[in-house]
N, C-alpha and C. Protein backbone atom coordinates (compact mmCIF):
# COMPACT_ATOMS: atom_id res chain seq x y z
N MET A 1 111.49 195.77 67.43
CA MET A 1 110.63 196.61 68.24
C MET A 1 110.67 196.12 69.69
N ASN A 2 110.78 197.04 70.65
CA ASN A 2 110.81 196.69 72.06
C ASN A 2 109.52 197.12 72.74
N LEU A 3 109.02 196.26 73.57
CA LEU A 3 107.86 196.54 74.39
C LEU A 3 108.32 196.47 75.83
N ILE A 4 108.38 197.63 76.54
CA ILE A 4 108.86 197.68 77.91
C ILE A 4 107.65 197.76 78.84
N MET A 5 107.65 196.94 79.88
CA MET A 5 106.49 196.90 80.78
C MET A 5 106.88 196.59 82.21
N LYS A 6 105.93 196.78 83.09
CA LYS A 6 106.09 196.36 84.48
C LYS A 6 105.81 194.87 84.57
N ILE A 7 106.41 194.23 85.55
CA ILE A 7 106.20 192.79 85.75
C ILE A 7 104.71 192.50 85.89
N GLU A 8 104.00 193.33 86.63
CA GLU A 8 102.58 193.11 86.90
C GLU A 8 101.74 193.07 85.63
N ASP A 9 102.24 193.68 84.55
CA ASP A 9 101.48 193.78 83.31
C ASP A 9 101.73 192.63 82.35
N ILE A 10 102.59 191.69 82.70
CA ILE A 10 102.84 190.53 81.84
C ILE A 10 101.56 189.70 81.75
N THR A 11 101.21 189.31 80.53
CA THR A 11 100.05 188.44 80.31
C THR A 11 100.46 187.24 79.48
N ILE A 12 99.57 186.31 79.35
CA ILE A 12 99.81 185.13 78.52
C ILE A 12 100.07 185.56 77.08
N GLU A 13 99.43 186.64 76.66
CA GLU A 13 99.58 187.13 75.29
C GLU A 13 101.04 187.46 74.94
N HIS A 14 101.84 187.81 75.93
CA HIS A 14 103.23 188.15 75.66
C HIS A 14 104.07 186.92 75.29
N PHE A 15 103.49 185.74 75.45
CA PHE A 15 104.18 184.51 75.09
C PHE A 15 103.61 183.88 73.82
N ASN A 16 102.66 184.55 73.19
CA ASN A 16 102.05 184.03 71.96
C ASN A 16 102.97 184.21 70.76
N GLN A 17 102.84 183.32 69.81
CA GLN A 17 103.66 183.36 68.60
C GLN A 17 103.49 184.66 67.82
N SER A 18 102.32 185.27 67.88
CA SER A 18 102.02 186.44 67.05
C SER A 18 102.89 187.65 67.38
N ILE A 19 103.40 187.74 68.60
CA ILE A 19 104.23 188.89 68.94
C ILE A 19 105.71 188.51 69.07
N LYS A 20 106.07 187.33 68.59
CA LYS A 20 107.45 186.86 68.74
C LYS A 20 108.45 187.79 68.07
N ASN A 21 108.00 188.62 67.10
CA ASN A 21 108.94 189.52 66.45
C ASN A 21 109.22 190.75 67.31
N GLU A 22 108.52 190.90 68.42
CA GLU A 22 108.78 191.99 69.35
C GLU A 22 109.60 191.47 70.52
N ASN A 23 110.50 192.29 71.01
CA ASN A 23 111.21 191.96 72.24
C ASN A 23 110.41 192.53 73.40
N VAL A 24 110.05 191.67 74.31
CA VAL A 24 109.33 192.09 75.51
C VAL A 24 110.35 192.23 76.63
N THR A 25 110.42 193.43 77.21
CA THR A 25 111.32 193.64 78.33
C THR A 25 110.53 194.13 79.53
N VAL A 26 111.01 193.75 80.70
CA VAL A 26 110.38 194.19 81.95
C VAL A 26 111.41 194.96 82.77
N ASP A 27 110.90 195.84 83.60
CA ASP A 27 111.75 196.67 84.45
C ASP A 27 112.08 195.92 85.74
N ILE A 28 113.34 195.55 85.89
CA ILE A 28 113.81 194.88 87.10
C ILE A 28 115.11 195.56 87.53
N TRP A 29 115.19 195.99 88.76
CA TRP A 29 116.35 196.67 89.33
C TRP A 29 116.72 197.89 88.48
N ASP A 30 115.72 198.56 87.94
CA ASP A 30 115.91 199.73 87.08
C ASP A 30 116.67 199.40 85.80
N GLU A 31 116.54 198.18 85.33
CA GLU A 31 117.14 197.73 84.07
C GLU A 31 116.02 197.18 83.18
N ASP A 32 116.18 197.33 81.87
CA ASP A 32 115.26 196.70 80.91
C ASP A 32 115.76 195.28 80.67
N VAL A 33 114.97 194.31 81.13
CA VAL A 33 115.39 192.91 81.12
C VAL A 33 114.54 192.13 80.11
N LEU A 34 115.21 191.42 79.20
CA LEU A 34 114.53 190.67 78.15
C LEU A 34 113.74 189.51 78.74
N LEU A 35 112.48 189.42 78.38
CA LEU A 35 111.61 188.32 78.79
C LEU A 35 111.63 187.29 77.67
N GLN A 36 112.25 186.14 77.91
CA GLN A 36 112.29 185.09 76.89
C GLN A 36 110.88 184.56 76.66
N THR A 37 110.46 184.57 75.41
CA THR A 37 109.13 184.05 75.09
C THR A 37 109.20 182.60 74.64
N ASP A 38 110.41 182.09 74.40
CA ASP A 38 110.59 180.67 74.08
C ASP A 38 110.78 179.92 75.39
N ILE A 39 109.71 179.32 75.85
CA ILE A 39 109.71 178.61 77.12
C ILE A 39 110.04 177.15 76.87
N TYR A 40 110.90 176.59 77.72
CA TYR A 40 111.19 175.17 77.61
C TYR A 40 110.14 174.40 78.40
N PHE A 41 109.41 173.52 77.71
CA PHE A 41 108.40 172.68 78.35
C PHE A 41 108.94 171.26 78.46
N TYR A 42 108.87 170.70 79.67
CA TYR A 42 109.33 169.33 79.90
C TYR A 42 108.34 168.30 79.38
N THR A 43 107.10 168.71 79.16
CA THR A 43 106.05 167.78 78.74
C THR A 43 105.43 168.28 77.44
N GLY A 44 104.51 167.47 76.89
CA GLY A 44 103.84 167.83 75.64
C GLY A 44 102.84 168.96 75.80
N ASN A 45 102.40 169.24 77.02
CA ASN A 45 101.43 170.31 77.25
C ASN A 45 102.18 171.64 77.29
N HIS A 46 101.93 172.51 76.34
CA HIS A 46 102.64 173.78 76.24
C HIS A 46 101.75 174.94 76.65
N ASP A 47 101.11 174.81 77.79
CA ASP A 47 100.19 175.84 78.28
C ASP A 47 100.82 176.56 79.47
N ILE A 48 101.09 177.84 79.30
CA ILE A 48 101.70 178.62 80.38
C ILE A 48 100.65 179.21 81.32
N SER A 49 99.39 179.21 80.91
CA SER A 49 98.35 179.91 81.69
C SER A 49 98.26 179.50 83.16
N PRO A 50 98.42 178.21 83.52
CA PRO A 50 98.34 177.88 84.95
C PRO A 50 99.50 178.45 85.77
N PHE A 51 100.54 178.93 85.11
CA PHE A 51 101.76 179.35 85.80
C PHE A 51 101.98 180.86 85.78
N ILE A 52 101.21 181.60 85.02
CA ILE A 52 101.51 183.01 84.79
C ILE A 52 101.51 183.83 86.08
N GLU A 53 100.57 183.60 86.97
CA GLU A 53 100.52 184.36 88.22
C GLU A 53 101.70 184.03 89.13
N GLU A 54 102.08 182.76 89.17
CA GLU A 54 103.24 182.35 89.98
C GLU A 54 104.53 182.94 89.39
N ILE A 55 104.64 182.96 88.09
CA ILE A 55 105.81 183.55 87.43
C ILE A 55 105.90 185.03 87.78
N LYS A 56 104.80 185.75 87.66
CA LYS A 56 104.81 187.18 87.98
C LYS A 56 105.15 187.41 89.45
N ASP A 57 104.59 186.58 90.34
CA ASP A 57 104.88 186.71 91.76
C ASP A 57 106.37 186.53 92.04
N ARG A 58 106.97 185.53 91.42
CA ARG A 58 108.40 185.29 91.63
C ARG A 58 109.25 186.44 91.11
N LEU A 59 108.89 186.98 89.96
CA LEU A 59 109.65 188.10 89.40
C LEU A 59 109.47 189.36 90.23
N ILE A 60 108.28 189.60 90.73
CA ILE A 60 108.04 190.76 91.60
C ILE A 60 108.89 190.65 92.85
N ARG A 61 108.91 189.46 93.45
CA ARG A 61 109.71 189.24 94.65
C ARG A 61 111.20 189.37 94.36
N PHE A 62 111.66 188.85 93.23
CA PHE A 62 113.06 188.99 92.83
C PHE A 62 113.42 190.47 92.75
N ASN A 63 112.55 191.25 92.14
CA ASN A 63 112.78 192.69 92.00
C ASN A 63 112.86 193.36 93.37
N GLN A 64 112.01 192.94 94.30
CA GLN A 64 111.99 193.53 95.64
C GLN A 64 113.15 193.04 96.51
N ASP A 65 113.63 191.85 96.25
CA ASP A 65 114.63 191.20 97.11
C ASP A 65 116.05 191.33 96.57
N LYS A 66 116.37 192.44 95.93
CA LYS A 66 117.70 192.62 95.34
C LYS A 66 118.80 192.34 96.35
N ASN A 67 118.67 192.85 97.57
CA ASN A 67 119.72 192.64 98.58
C ASN A 67 119.89 191.17 98.94
N LEU A 68 118.80 190.41 98.99
CA LEU A 68 118.89 188.97 99.27
C LEU A 68 119.58 188.23 98.12
N VAL A 69 119.24 188.62 96.89
CA VAL A 69 119.88 188.00 95.72
C VAL A 69 121.38 188.26 95.75
N LEU A 70 121.75 189.50 96.01
CA LEU A 70 123.17 189.86 96.05
C LEU A 70 123.89 189.17 97.21
N GLN A 71 123.21 189.04 98.35
CA GLN A 71 123.81 188.33 99.47
C GLN A 71 124.07 186.88 99.12
N ASN A 72 123.16 186.27 98.33
CA ASN A 72 123.36 184.90 97.89
C ASN A 72 124.62 184.78 97.04
N ILE A 73 124.89 185.80 96.22
CA ILE A 73 126.10 185.79 95.39
C ILE A 73 127.34 185.75 96.28
N ILE A 74 127.32 186.52 97.35
CA ILE A 74 128.44 186.51 98.31
C ILE A 74 128.51 185.16 99.01
N ASP A 75 127.35 184.68 99.49
CA ASP A 75 127.31 183.40 100.21
C ASP A 75 127.81 182.24 99.36
N GLU A 76 127.59 182.31 98.07
CA GLU A 76 128.03 181.24 97.16
C GLU A 76 129.51 181.32 96.83
N GLY A 77 130.20 182.37 97.29
CA GLY A 77 131.64 182.46 97.12
C GLY A 77 132.10 183.11 95.83
N TYR A 78 131.23 183.83 95.13
CA TYR A 78 131.63 184.41 93.85
C TYR A 78 132.58 185.59 94.00
N LEU A 79 132.56 186.30 95.12
CA LEU A 79 133.53 187.37 95.32
C LEU A 79 134.93 186.79 95.42
N GLN A 80 135.09 185.72 96.18
CA GLN A 80 136.40 185.07 96.29
C GLN A 80 136.86 184.55 94.93
N MET A 81 135.91 184.01 94.15
CA MET A 81 136.25 183.53 92.81
C MET A 81 136.73 184.68 91.94
N ALA A 82 136.03 185.82 91.99
CA ALA A 82 136.42 186.99 91.20
C ALA A 82 137.80 187.49 91.62
N GLU A 83 138.07 187.48 92.92
CA GLU A 83 139.39 187.91 93.40
C GLU A 83 140.49 186.98 92.92
N THR A 84 140.23 185.70 92.90
CA THR A 84 141.20 184.73 92.38
C THR A 84 141.46 184.97 90.90
N TRP A 85 140.39 185.18 90.13
CA TRP A 85 140.54 185.45 88.71
C TRP A 85 141.28 186.77 88.49
N ALA A 86 140.98 187.77 89.30
CA ALA A 86 141.64 189.07 89.17
C ALA A 86 143.14 188.93 89.45
N GLU A 87 143.45 188.18 90.49
CA GLU A 87 144.85 187.94 90.84
C GLU A 87 145.59 187.25 89.69
N ASP A 88 144.94 186.25 89.09
CA ASP A 88 145.53 185.52 87.97
C ASP A 88 145.71 186.41 86.74
N SER A 89 144.85 187.44 86.61
CA SER A 89 144.89 188.34 85.45
C SER A 89 145.67 189.61 85.73
N LYS A 90 146.26 189.70 86.91
CA LYS A 90 147.04 190.88 87.32
C LYS A 90 146.17 192.14 87.39
N ILE A 91 144.90 191.96 87.77
CA ILE A 91 143.98 193.09 87.97
C ILE A 91 144.13 193.56 89.41
N THR A 92 143.99 194.85 89.62
CA THR A 92 144.18 195.44 90.94
C THR A 92 143.23 194.83 91.97
N LEU A 93 143.81 194.46 93.09
CA LEU A 93 143.05 193.90 94.21
C LEU A 93 143.19 194.83 95.40
N PRO A 94 142.37 194.78 96.39
CA PRO A 94 141.21 193.89 96.49
C PRO A 94 140.01 194.47 95.75
N ILE A 95 139.07 193.61 95.46
CA ILE A 95 137.78 194.03 94.90
C ILE A 95 136.87 194.25 96.10
N SER A 96 136.33 195.45 96.23
CA SER A 96 135.45 195.69 97.38
C SER A 96 134.14 194.95 97.18
N LYS A 97 133.59 194.48 98.27
CA LYS A 97 132.30 193.79 98.24
C LYS A 97 131.25 194.69 97.62
N GLU A 98 131.22 195.97 97.99
CA GLU A 98 130.22 196.90 97.49
C GLU A 98 130.34 197.07 95.98
N LYS A 99 131.56 197.28 95.50
CA LYS A 99 131.78 197.46 94.06
C LYS A 99 131.39 196.19 93.30
N PHE A 100 131.75 195.05 93.85
CA PHE A 100 131.42 193.78 93.22
C PHE A 100 129.91 193.62 93.10
N LEU A 101 129.18 193.85 94.20
CA LEU A 101 127.73 193.67 94.17
C LEU A 101 127.03 194.70 93.28
N GLU A 102 127.55 195.91 93.26
CA GLU A 102 126.96 196.95 92.40
C GLU A 102 127.16 196.65 90.92
N SER A 103 128.09 195.77 90.60
CA SER A 103 128.38 195.48 89.20
C SER A 103 127.36 194.57 88.53
N PHE A 104 126.51 193.91 89.32
CA PHE A 104 125.57 192.94 88.75
C PHE A 104 124.30 193.61 88.26
N TYR A 105 123.84 193.13 87.12
CA TYR A 105 122.60 193.64 86.52
C TYR A 105 121.87 192.48 85.83
N PRO A 106 120.55 192.43 85.95
CA PRO A 106 119.79 191.41 85.24
C PRO A 106 119.65 191.80 83.77
N PHE A 107 119.73 190.81 82.87
CA PHE A 107 119.58 191.14 81.46
C PHE A 107 118.62 190.23 80.71
N GLU A 108 118.26 189.08 81.29
CA GLU A 108 117.36 188.17 80.61
C GLU A 108 116.65 187.27 81.61
N ILE A 109 115.40 186.90 81.27
CA ILE A 109 114.60 186.01 82.11
C ILE A 109 114.21 184.81 81.27
N GLY A 110 114.41 183.61 81.82
CA GLY A 110 114.03 182.39 81.13
C GLY A 110 113.12 181.54 82.00
N PHE A 111 112.46 180.56 81.35
CA PHE A 111 111.48 179.73 82.05
C PHE A 111 111.56 178.29 81.57
N CYS A 112 111.29 177.38 82.50
CA CYS A 112 111.07 175.97 82.19
C CYS A 112 109.78 175.57 82.88
N ILE A 113 108.93 174.83 82.17
CA ILE A 113 107.64 174.43 82.71
C ILE A 113 107.51 172.92 82.62
N GLY A 114 107.06 172.31 83.71
CA GLY A 114 106.83 170.87 83.73
C GLY A 114 105.35 170.55 83.67
N ASN A 115 104.90 169.66 84.50
CA ASN A 115 103.49 169.29 84.57
C ASN A 115 102.71 170.35 85.33
N PHE A 116 101.38 170.28 85.25
CA PHE A 116 100.54 171.26 85.93
C PHE A 116 100.78 171.31 87.43
N GLU A 117 101.11 170.18 88.02
CA GLU A 117 101.33 170.16 89.47
C GLU A 117 102.74 170.62 89.85
N ASP A 118 103.59 170.83 88.86
CA ASP A 118 104.96 171.30 89.12
C ASP A 118 104.99 172.81 89.31
N GLU A 119 106.05 173.25 89.94
CA GLU A 119 106.31 174.69 90.05
C GLU A 119 107.04 175.13 88.79
N PRO A 120 106.80 176.34 88.30
CA PRO A 120 107.58 176.81 87.16
C PRO A 120 109.01 177.12 87.60
N THR A 121 109.96 176.89 86.72
CA THR A 121 111.33 177.28 86.98
C THR A 121 111.55 178.65 86.35
N VAL A 122 111.90 179.62 87.18
CA VAL A 122 112.15 180.98 86.71
C VAL A 122 113.63 181.26 86.92
N MET A 123 114.29 181.70 85.84
CA MET A 123 115.71 181.97 85.89
C MET A 123 115.97 183.41 85.44
N VAL A 124 116.71 184.15 86.25
CA VAL A 124 117.10 185.50 85.87
C VAL A 124 118.62 185.48 85.68
N TYR A 125 119.04 185.89 84.48
CA TYR A 125 120.46 185.87 84.16
C TYR A 125 121.07 187.22 84.51
N LEU A 126 122.20 187.16 85.23
CA LEU A 126 122.88 188.36 85.71
C LEU A 126 124.25 188.49 85.06
N GLY A 127 124.51 189.67 84.53
CA GLY A 127 125.83 189.99 84.02
C GLY A 127 126.55 190.85 85.04
N SER A 128 127.83 191.10 84.79
CA SER A 128 128.63 191.93 85.69
C SER A 128 129.54 192.81 84.85
N ASN A 129 129.77 194.04 85.32
CA ASN A 129 130.69 194.91 84.59
C ASN A 129 132.03 195.05 85.29
N ILE A 130 132.34 194.13 86.22
CA ILE A 130 133.69 194.06 86.82
C ILE A 130 134.57 193.32 85.81
N GLU A 131 135.72 193.86 85.51
CA GLU A 131 136.58 193.35 84.43
C GLU A 131 136.82 191.83 84.52
N CYS A 132 137.18 191.34 85.68
CA CYS A 132 137.53 189.92 85.78
C CYS A 132 136.29 189.01 85.77
N PHE A 133 135.09 189.58 85.84
CA PHE A 133 133.87 188.77 85.88
C PHE A 133 132.98 189.06 84.68
N SER A 134 133.38 190.00 83.82
CA SER A 134 132.49 190.49 82.76
C SER A 134 132.19 189.47 81.67
N ASP A 135 133.01 188.46 81.49
CA ASP A 135 132.75 187.43 80.48
C ASP A 135 131.92 186.28 81.04
N HIS A 136 131.42 186.44 82.25
CA HIS A 136 130.69 185.36 82.91
C HIS A 136 129.26 185.77 83.22
N VAL A 137 128.40 184.78 83.31
CA VAL A 137 126.98 185.00 83.59
C VAL A 137 126.60 184.16 84.80
N LEU A 138 125.85 184.76 85.69
CA LEU A 138 125.25 184.01 86.80
C LEU A 138 123.79 183.79 86.48
N CYS A 139 123.34 182.58 86.63
CA CYS A 139 121.92 182.27 86.49
C CYS A 139 121.34 182.17 87.89
N CYS A 140 120.37 183.02 88.19
CA CYS A 140 119.73 182.99 89.50
C CYS A 140 118.39 182.29 89.37
N TYR A 141 118.27 181.15 90.04
CA TYR A 141 117.02 180.41 90.06
C TYR A 141 116.15 181.01 91.16
N VAL A 142 114.94 181.41 90.77
CA VAL A 142 113.99 182.03 91.69
C VAL A 142 113.02 180.93 92.09
N MET A 143 113.14 180.46 93.33
CA MET A 143 112.38 179.30 93.79
C MET A 143 111.53 179.66 95.00
N LYS A 144 110.50 178.87 95.22
CA LYS A 144 109.66 179.08 96.39
C LYS A 144 109.59 177.77 97.16
N LYS A 145 109.96 177.85 98.44
CA LYS A 145 109.87 176.68 99.33
C LYS A 145 109.11 177.09 100.57
N ASN A 146 108.04 176.38 100.87
CA ASN A 146 107.20 176.68 102.04
C ASN A 146 106.79 178.16 102.07
N ASN A 147 106.37 178.66 100.92
CA ASN A 147 105.93 180.05 100.75
C ASN A 147 107.02 181.09 100.98
N LEU A 148 108.28 180.68 101.05
CA LEU A 148 109.39 181.61 101.17
C LEU A 148 110.20 181.57 99.88
N MET A 149 110.65 182.74 99.45
CA MET A 149 111.43 182.82 98.23
C MET A 149 112.89 182.44 98.52
N GLU A 150 113.50 181.73 97.60
CA GLU A 150 114.90 181.37 97.68
C GLU A 150 115.57 181.73 96.37
N TYR A 151 116.82 182.14 96.45
CA TYR A 151 117.58 182.53 95.28
C TYR A 151 118.87 181.73 95.26
N LYS A 152 119.06 180.99 94.20
CA LYS A 152 120.25 180.14 94.07
C LYS A 152 120.96 180.54 92.78
N THR A 153 122.19 181.02 92.91
CA THR A 153 122.94 181.46 91.74
C THR A 153 123.94 180.39 91.31
N VAL A 154 124.05 180.22 90.01
CA VAL A 154 124.95 179.23 89.42
C VAL A 154 125.72 179.92 88.30
N LEU A 155 127.03 179.71 88.28
CA LEU A 155 127.88 180.27 87.23
C LEU A 155 127.61 179.50 85.93
N GLU A 156 127.28 180.23 84.87
CA GLU A 156 126.93 179.57 83.61
C GLU A 156 127.93 179.83 82.50
N GLY A 157 128.75 180.81 82.62
CA GLY A 157 129.64 181.07 81.51
C GLY A 157 130.84 181.88 81.93
């Protein structure tokens, strides 16, 4: 069973064991994105409640900042990497920047929680439907530094 919701409507209840048999998805970039309810906790305290508002704020900003997230993908050199892979695979080049960026879509959200004084780690996983990049996943870390959002993408697969 799928439960689709807006980011703003996420509550602590969506992380409770009782609804674990439901898939909770949120609307991000006009995609239904799976909200992982299995949170990795660095400490013995498994309480998400102090972090829920910060998590929602980061996801709302991620949703609003699509162009910044995509620009980070370019800044990190993933277009050049895709072109190199395409060349090695005899795929038609060049790959246009626009086509490359349009190919990315969020499909899953994960979390890591430390101590109460720590910031939550929010990760949005991005897939791509460009042939030479389709078997790979980018993990975008949604971070806040000095009240400004930062997006750092890392190739995971």
